[in-house]
């Protein structure tokens, strides 16, 4: 069984015992109960309006702060001998989907 859930303005496909990297959640969050927007059960698909009634997705926060991949940004101006390099590393939270009921 799979479900589409909305976390932090983004939609994710979640299945049981799967881990997801989502945008950083508020500190102190241990468990989330989410509404399902769409449920796929074998070859049967149920679309909610806006959510599927009676279906909840329970997720446990495994790691509250995970640093993502480092991105390097290089700005260069030709013929001026000017270049700047900056980096950015996005913070994520790691969730484990425990049940879809």
Protein backbone atom coordinates (compact mmCIF):
# COMPACT_ATOMS: atom_id res chain seq x y z
CA UNK A 1 0.00 0.00 0.00
CA UNK A 2 1.27 3.44 -0.93
CA UNK A 3 -0.03 6.89 -0.08
CA UNK A 4 0.69 10.43 -1.19
CA UNK A 5 1.14 12.80 1.76
CA UNK A 6 1.83 16.53 2.01
CA UNK A 7 4.63 17.66 4.34
CA UNK A 8 5.83 21.26 4.38
CA UNK A 9 4.14 22.23 1.11
CA UNK A 10 5.63 19.29 -0.84
CA UNK A 11 4.07 15.97 -1.74
CA UNK A 12 5.78 12.63 -1.15
CA UNK A 13 4.90 9.04 -2.03
CA UNK A 14 5.10 7.00 1.17
CA UNK A 15 5.00 3.27 1.73
CA UNK A 16 5.39 1.35 4.99
CA UNK A 17 8.91 0.83 6.40
CA UNK A 18 10.32 3.46 4.02
CA UNK A 19 12.46 6.45 5.02
CA UNK A 20 11.89 9.95 3.63
CA UNK A 21 14.07 13.05 3.69
CA UNK A 22 11.77 16.05 4.19
CA UNK A 23 12.40 19.73 4.89
CA UNK A 24 13.49 20.53 8.44
CA UNK A 25 10.66 20.01 10.94
CA UNK A 26 10.19 22.06 14.13
CA UNK A 27 12.38 20.95 17.02
CA UNK A 28 10.83 18.49 19.43
CA UNK A 29 8.73 16.69 16.81
CA UNK A 30 8.83 12.94 17.54
CA UNK A 31 5.89 11.55 15.55
CA UNK A 32 3.62 12.82 12.79
CA UNK A 33 0.11 11.78 11.82
CA UNK A 34 -0.64 12.83 8.25
CA UNK A 35 -3.71 12.73 6.03
CA UNK A 36 -3.44 10.85 2.75
CA UNK A 37 -4.19 12.74 -0.45
CA UNK A 38 -4.17 9.59 -2.59
CA UNK A 39 -4.00 5.87 -1.74
CA UNK A 40 -2.72 3.12 -4.05
CA UNK A 41 -3.61 -0.40 -2.90
CA UNK A 42 -2.57 -2.91 -5.53
CA UNK A 43 -4.48 -1.93 -8.67
CA UNK A 44 -7.11 0.08 -6.75
CA UNK A 45 -6.51 3.85 -6.51
CA UNK A 46 -8.50 6.17 -4.25
CA UNK A 47 -8.25 9.93 -4.76
CA UNK A 48 -9.28 12.24 -1.95
CA UNK A 49 -11.19 15.48 -2.15
CA UNK A 50 -8.94 16.93 -0.64
CA UNK A 51 -8.03 13.92 1.57
CA UNK A 52 -9.03 10.27 1.65
CA UNK A 53 -11.41 9.73 4.57
CA UNK A 54 -10.31 7.20 7.18
CA UNK A 55 -6.71 6.85 5.98
CA UNK A 56 -3.90 8.17 8.19
CA UNK A 57 -0.16 7.85 7.70
CA UNK A 58 1.93 7.64 10.88
CA UNK A 59 5.60 8.62 10.64
CA UNK A 60 8.35 8.58 13.26
CA UNK A 61 11.24 11.09 13.22
CA UNK A 62 14.44 9.03 13.02
CA UNK A 63 16.94 11.90 12.75
CA UNK A 64 15.71 15.47 13.34
CA UNK A 65 18.67 17.23 11.64
CA UNK A 66 20.47 15.81 8.63
CA UNK A 67 22.72 17.92 6.44
CA UNK A 68 22.10 17.51 2.74
CA UNK A 69 24.55 17.55 -0.12
CA UNK A 70 26.77 20.62 -0.41
CA UNK A 71 26.01 22.92 -3.34
CA UNK A 72 28.70 25.22 -4.70
CA UNK A 73 27.71 28.49 -6.33
CA UNK A 74 30.33 30.26 -8.45
CA UNK A 75 29.81 33.77 -9.80
CA UNK A 76 32.28 34.92 -12.42
CA UNK A 77 32.68 38.15 -14.37
CA UNK A 78 34.87 37.85 -17.40
CA UNK A 79 37.60 40.40 -18.10
CA UNK A 80 37.25 41.84 -14.57
CA UNK A 81 39.18 39.19 -12.58
CA UNK A 82 36.23 38.87 -10.23
CA UNK A 83 34.91 35.56 -8.99
CA UNK A 84 33.13 34.59 -5.80
CA UNK A 85 32.44 31.12 -4.48
CA UNK A 86 29.80 30.34 -1.90
CA UNK A 87 28.34 27.10 -0.64
CA UNK A 88 25.01 26.00 0.75
CA UNK A 89 23.97 22.91 2.67
CA UNK A 90 20.24 22.35 3.19
CA UNK A 91 19.00 20.83 6.46
CA UNK A 92 16.54 17.92 6.34
CA UNK A 93 14.64 15.69 8.76
CA UNK A 94 14.64 11.92 8.25
CA UNK A 95 11.26 10.20 8.72
CA UNK A 96 10.35 6.53 8.82
CA UNK A 97 6.82 5.65 7.75
CA UNK A 98 5.56 3.19 10.37
CA UNK A 99 1.95 2.49 9.33
CA UNK A 100 -0.67 3.42 6.79
CA UNK A 101 -4.09 2.77 8.34
